[in-house]
Amino acid sequence: MSIGNTTFHIQLQEGRLRGVMCTSLTPHLCNGCGIGRACRVQDTLSPVTTKTYNALAVLQTCHVIYFETIAILYSQNTFVVWQSDCIEFMPRLFLPQRIDSIRLLRFTWTYLGDPPLQADHNIKDRRVRFRNTLWTMVWRNISRMAGLQDLRVTLRVSGIHWSSLPPENAAATIEPIKNITGPKIFQLIVPDDIGAEKAPWTKLPCVIKTVPSATQYSNPQL
């Protein structure tokens, strides 16, 4: 029975947390179980699927095995998140010890509209406050994952709103990211038209990878 070296897609559906085991032959390229066609086909046809789900069923039915191996389940598998809600509400969705057991996290964040935390924004506007709070909480919750060792974040933003940011405004926006200092590997993937190849982006505690903005919504590995 193997419970390690597996990729799980974590998502919220109708207010409930759902974890889907990735059955793609190339999980690092998978664009979401139940969403990506390749993964859905594998889930239906692959004989590995039944074997793997049976392993999890044993964990759920045998309390002794469950308590002995649940930490391994969190620490030796990769978790893939596409919904910012999962990160924003992580402290409510997971027990603290489970959060701290997670070692590998891949997070793709589609953040549309203007960059947050701008001094010239009207903070009395509810939408502005919501976006600022969401942006801050997501990065803060990631920074508090004590066991996180490998973090890869793909930030999908609209270049028309981000590329014209003066350095001081960009510094305000990315300030919360500076608190993520725990992971040994921290990669931030951003579109190539937002100026991330220069300060203040280059001062972040991560390796920045730029990708063509025209492909960031179509390529499943971005």
Protein backbone atom coordinates (compact mmCIF):
# COMPACT_ATOMS: atom_id res chain seq x y z
CA MET A 1 0.00 0.00 0.00
CA SER A 2 1.57 3.26 -1.15
CA ILE A 3 0.39 6.65 0.08
CA GLY A 4 3.35 8.79 -0.94
CA ASN A 5 4.63 10.43 -4.12
CA THR A 6 1.11 11.22 -5.27
CA THR A 7 -0.47 14.45 -6.48
CA PHE A 8 -3.77 15.64 -5.01
CA HIS A 9 -5.94 18.42 -6.41
CA ILE A 10 -7.58 20.32 -3.54
CA GLN A 11 -10.75 22.28 -4.23
CA LEU A 12 -13.89 23.61 -2.64
CA GLN A 13 -17.21 22.40 -4.01
CA GLU A 14 -20.46 23.71 -2.58
CA GLY A 15 -18.62 24.91 0.49
CA ARG A 16 -17.00 21.53 1.19
CA LEU A 17 -13.36 20.60 0.82
CA ARG A 18 -12.62 17.93 -1.77
CA GLY A 19 -9.35 16.21 -2.50
CA VAL A 20 -9.01 14.43 -5.85
CA MET A 21 -6.13 12.09 -6.52
CA CYS A 22 -4.43 12.95 -9.80
CA THR A 23 -4.37 9.95 -12.12
CA SER A 24 -2.64 11.66 -15.01
CA LEU A 25 0.50 9.98 -16.29
CA THR A 26 2.13 13.43 -16.13
CA PRO A 27 0.73 14.97 -12.94
CA HIS A 28 3.09 17.97 -13.10
CA LEU A 29 1.32 18.96 -16.33
CA CYS A 30 -2.21 18.13 -15.23
CA ASN A 31 -4.64 21.05 -15.29
CA GLY A 32 -7.02 19.74 -12.67
CA CYS A 33 -8.79 16.45 -11.97
CA GLY A 34 -12.45 16.71 -12.83
CA ILE A 35 -11.60 19.74 -14.96
CA GLY A 36 -8.77 18.55 -17.16
CA ARG A 37 -9.87 16.00 -19.76
CA ALA A 38 -6.71 13.90 -19.56
CA CYS A 39 -7.04 13.40 -15.84
CA ARG A 40 -10.74 12.61 -16.10
CA VAL A 41 -10.05 9.92 -18.71
CA GLN A 42 -7.33 8.38 -16.58
CA ASP A 43 -9.67 8.38 -13.60
CA THR A 44 -12.13 6.28 -15.59
CA LEU A 45 -9.78 3.88 -17.33
CA SER A 46 -6.61 3.48 -15.32
CA PRO A 47 -6.42 0.32 -13.16
CA VAL A 48 -4.10 2.25 -10.84
CA THR A 49 -7.06 4.35 -9.74
CA THR A 50 -8.87 1.52 -7.95
CA LYS A 51 -5.73 0.36 -6.21
CA THR A 52 -4.90 3.84 -4.97
CA TYR A 53 -8.38 4.62 -3.72
CA ASN A 54 -8.47 1.29 -1.90
CA ALA A 55 -5.32 2.34 -0.06
CA LEU A 56 -7.05 5.49 1.15
CA ALA A 57 -10.12 3.49 2.12
CA VAL A 58 -7.98 1.36 4.42
CA LEU A 59 -6.65 4.50 6.08
CA GLN A 60 -10.17 5.75 6.67
CA THR A 61 -11.50 2.49 8.12
CA CYS A 62 -8.58 1.40 10.28
CA HIS A 63 -8.00 3.99 13.00
CA VAL A 64 -4.62 2.60 14.04
CA ILE A 65 -3.20 2.76 10.54
CA TYR A 66 -4.84 6.15 10.01
CA PHE A 67 -3.17 7.84 12.96
CA GLU A 68 0.19 6.27 12.16
CA THR A 69 0.22 7.28 8.51
CA ILE A 70 -1.83 10.47 8.19
CA ALA A 71 1.27 12.62 8.66
CA ILE A 72 2.94 10.72 5.82
CA LEU A 73 -0.08 11.35 3.62
CA TYR A 74 0.37 15.10 4.04
CA SER A 75 4.16 15.26 4.06
CA GLN A 76 5.06 12.96 1.17
CA ASN A 77 2.53 14.04 -1.44
CA THR A 78 2.10 17.10 -3.64
CA PHE A 79 -0.97 19.30 -3.18
CA VAL A 80 -2.22 21.32 -6.13
CA VAL A 81 -4.60 24.24 -5.56
CA TRP A 82 -6.38 26.37 -8.15
CA GLN A 83 -8.82 28.19 -5.89
CA SER A 84 -7.59 31.03 -3.71
CA ASP A 85 -10.43 30.21 -1.29
CA CYS A 86 -8.64 27.00 -0.35
CA ILE A 87 -5.62 29.00 0.79
CA GLU A 88 -7.60 31.88 2.28
CA PHE A 89 -9.65 29.54 4.48
CA MET A 90 -6.94 26.95 5.04
CA PRO A 91 -6.90 27.44 8.84
CA ARG A 92 -10.61 26.54 8.88
CA LEU A 93 -10.36 23.66 6.43
CA PHE A 94 -7.36 21.81 7.89
CA LEU A 95 -6.15 21.02 11.38
CA PRO A 96 -3.02 23.03 12.27
CA GLN A 97 -0.86 19.90 12.43
CA ARG A 98 -2.02 18.88 8.95
CA ILE A 99 -1.12 22.28 7.51
CA ASP A 100 2.33 22.09 9.08
CA SER A 101 2.85 18.59 7.63
CA ILE A 102 2.45 19.72 4.02
CA ARG A 103 5.84 19.84 2.28
CA LEU A 104 4.98 20.34 -1.40
CA LEU A 105 2.44 22.87 -2.68
CA ARG A 106 1.62 24.06 -6.18
CA PHE A 107 -0.77 27.00 -6.32
CA THR A 108 -2.14 28.66 -9.44
CA TRP A 109 -3.82 31.97 -8.71
CA THR A 110 -5.87 33.77 -11.33
CA TYR A 111 -5.96 37.31 -10.02
CA LEU A 112 -7.90 39.61 -12.33
CA GLY A 113 -8.06 43.38 -12.19
CA ASP A 114 -5.87 46.02 -10.61
CA PRO A 115 -2.96 45.15 -8.32
CA PRO A 116 -3.92 45.27 -4.63
CA LEU A 117 -2.57 47.41 -1.80
CA GLN A 118 -2.32 50.62 -3.80
CA ALA A 119 -2.27 53.93 -1.92
CA ASP A 120 -4.48 55.65 -4.47
CA HIS A 121 -7.28 53.09 -4.14
CA ASN A 122 -10.42 54.02 -2.24
CA ILE A 123 -10.30 51.78 0.82
CA LYS A 124 -13.91 52.68 1.58
CA ASP A 125 -14.89 50.66 -1.46
CA ARG A 126 -15.88 47.14 -0.38
CA ARG A 127 -14.37 45.58 -3.47
CA VAL A 128 -11.04 47.25 -2.80
CA ARG A 129 -11.06 46.10 0.83
CA PHE A 130 -12.00 42.56 -0.19
CA ARG A 131 -9.22 42.32 -2.75
CA ASN A 132 -6.65 43.75 -0.36
CA THR A 133 -7.70 41.37 2.40
CA LEU A 134 -7.73 38.35 0.10
CA TRP A 135 -4.27 39.13 -1.27
CA THR A 136 -2.80 39.63 2.19
CA MET A 137 -4.43 36.58 3.79
CA VAL A 138 -3.42 34.16 1.04
CA TRP A 139 0.27 35.06 1.24
CA ARG A 140 0.14 35.17 5.04
CA ASN A 141 -1.38 31.70 5.28
CA ILE A 142 1.26 30.29 2.96
CA SER A 143 4.00 31.94 5.02
CA ARG A 144 2.64 30.22 8.14
CA MET A 145 2.92 26.69 6.71
CA ALA A 146 5.76 25.63 8.99
CA GLY A 147 6.73 22.46 7.14
CA LEU A 148 6.54 23.77 3.58
CA GLN A 149 9.72 22.94 1.65
CA ASP A 150 8.78 23.18 -2.02
CA LEU A 151 6.43 25.98 -3.13
CA ARG A 152 5.55 26.84 -6.71
CA VAL A 153 3.09 29.65 -7.29
CA THR A 154 1.79 30.63 -10.70
CA LEU A 155 0.35 34.13 -10.60
CA ARG A 156 -1.96 34.80 -13.52
CA VAL A 157 -2.60 38.51 -13.77
CA SER A 158 -3.64 40.95 -16.46
CA GLY A 159 -0.58 42.77 -17.76
CA ILE A 160 -2.53 45.87 -18.71
CA HIS A 161 -3.09 46.53 -15.00
CA TRP A 162 0.28 45.38 -13.72
CA SER A 163 2.90 46.40 -16.26
CA SER A 164 2.40 50.13 -15.73
CA LEU A 165 3.05 49.98 -11.97
CA PRO A 166 5.83 52.30 -10.81
CA PRO A 167 8.43 50.55 -8.60
CA GLU A 168 7.10 52.03 -5.35
CA ASN A 169 3.58 50.80 -6.12
CA ALA A 170 4.83 47.37 -7.10
CA ALA A 171 6.76 47.21 -3.83
CA ALA A 172 3.55 47.78 -1.87
CA THR A 173 1.76 45.04 -3.80
CA ILE A 174 4.40 42.35 -3.35
CA GLU A 175 5.24 43.20 0.27
CA PRO A 176 3.22 40.24 1.71
CA ILE A 177 5.21 37.80 -0.43
CA LYS A 178 8.41 38.75 1.39
CA ASN A 179 7.22 36.90 4.48
CA ILE A 180 7.51 33.52 2.75
CA THR A 181 11.02 32.54 3.79
CA GLY A 182 10.64 28.93 4.95
CA PRO A 183 10.61 26.83 1.77
CA LYS A 184 13.94 25.63 0.40
CA ILE A 185 12.42 25.91 -3.06
CA PHE A 186 10.15 28.86 -3.83
CA GLN A 187 9.35 29.55 -7.45
CA LEU A 188 7.04 32.35 -8.57
CA ILE A 189 5.80 32.12 -12.16
CA VAL A 190 4.47 35.36 -13.63
CA PRO A 191 3.69 36.77 -17.10
CA ASP A 192 6.61 38.40 -18.87
CA ASP A 193 4.99 41.82 -19.28
CA ILE A 194 4.76 42.94 -15.65
CA GLY A 195 8.38 43.94 -15.12
CA ALA A 196 9.26 41.09 -12.77
CA GLU A 197 12.82 40.95 -14.10
CA LYS A 198 13.73 44.09 -12.16
CA ALA A 199 13.36 45.60 -8.70
CA PRO A 200 11.39 45.36 -6.51
CA TRP A 201 10.40 41.89 -7.80
CA THR A 202 14.00 40.70 -7.83
CA LYS A 203 14.24 41.35 -4.09
CA LEU A 204 11.65 38.69 -3.29
CA PRO A 205 12.84 35.49 -1.52
CA CYS A 206 12.06 33.33 -4.54
CA VAL A 207 13.17 32.37 -8.01
CA ILE A 208 11.07 34.25 -10.55
CA LYS A 209 10.19 32.57 -13.82
CA THR A 210 8.50 34.61 -16.54
CA VAL A 211 6.27 33.10 -19.21
CA PRO A 212 4.61 34.68 -22.27
CA SER A 213 1.46 36.41 -21.11
CA ALA A 214 -0.40 35.15 -24.17
CA THR A 215 0.02 31.53 -23.04
CA GLN A 216 -0.52 31.80 -19.29
CA TYR A 217 -4.21 30.82 -19.50
CA SER A 218 -3.80 28.03 -22.03
CA ASN A 219 -0.75 26.08 -20.92
CA PRO A 220 -1.60 23.61 -18.12
CA GLN A 221 1.90 23.67 -16.67
CA LEU A 222 1.85 27.43 -16.03
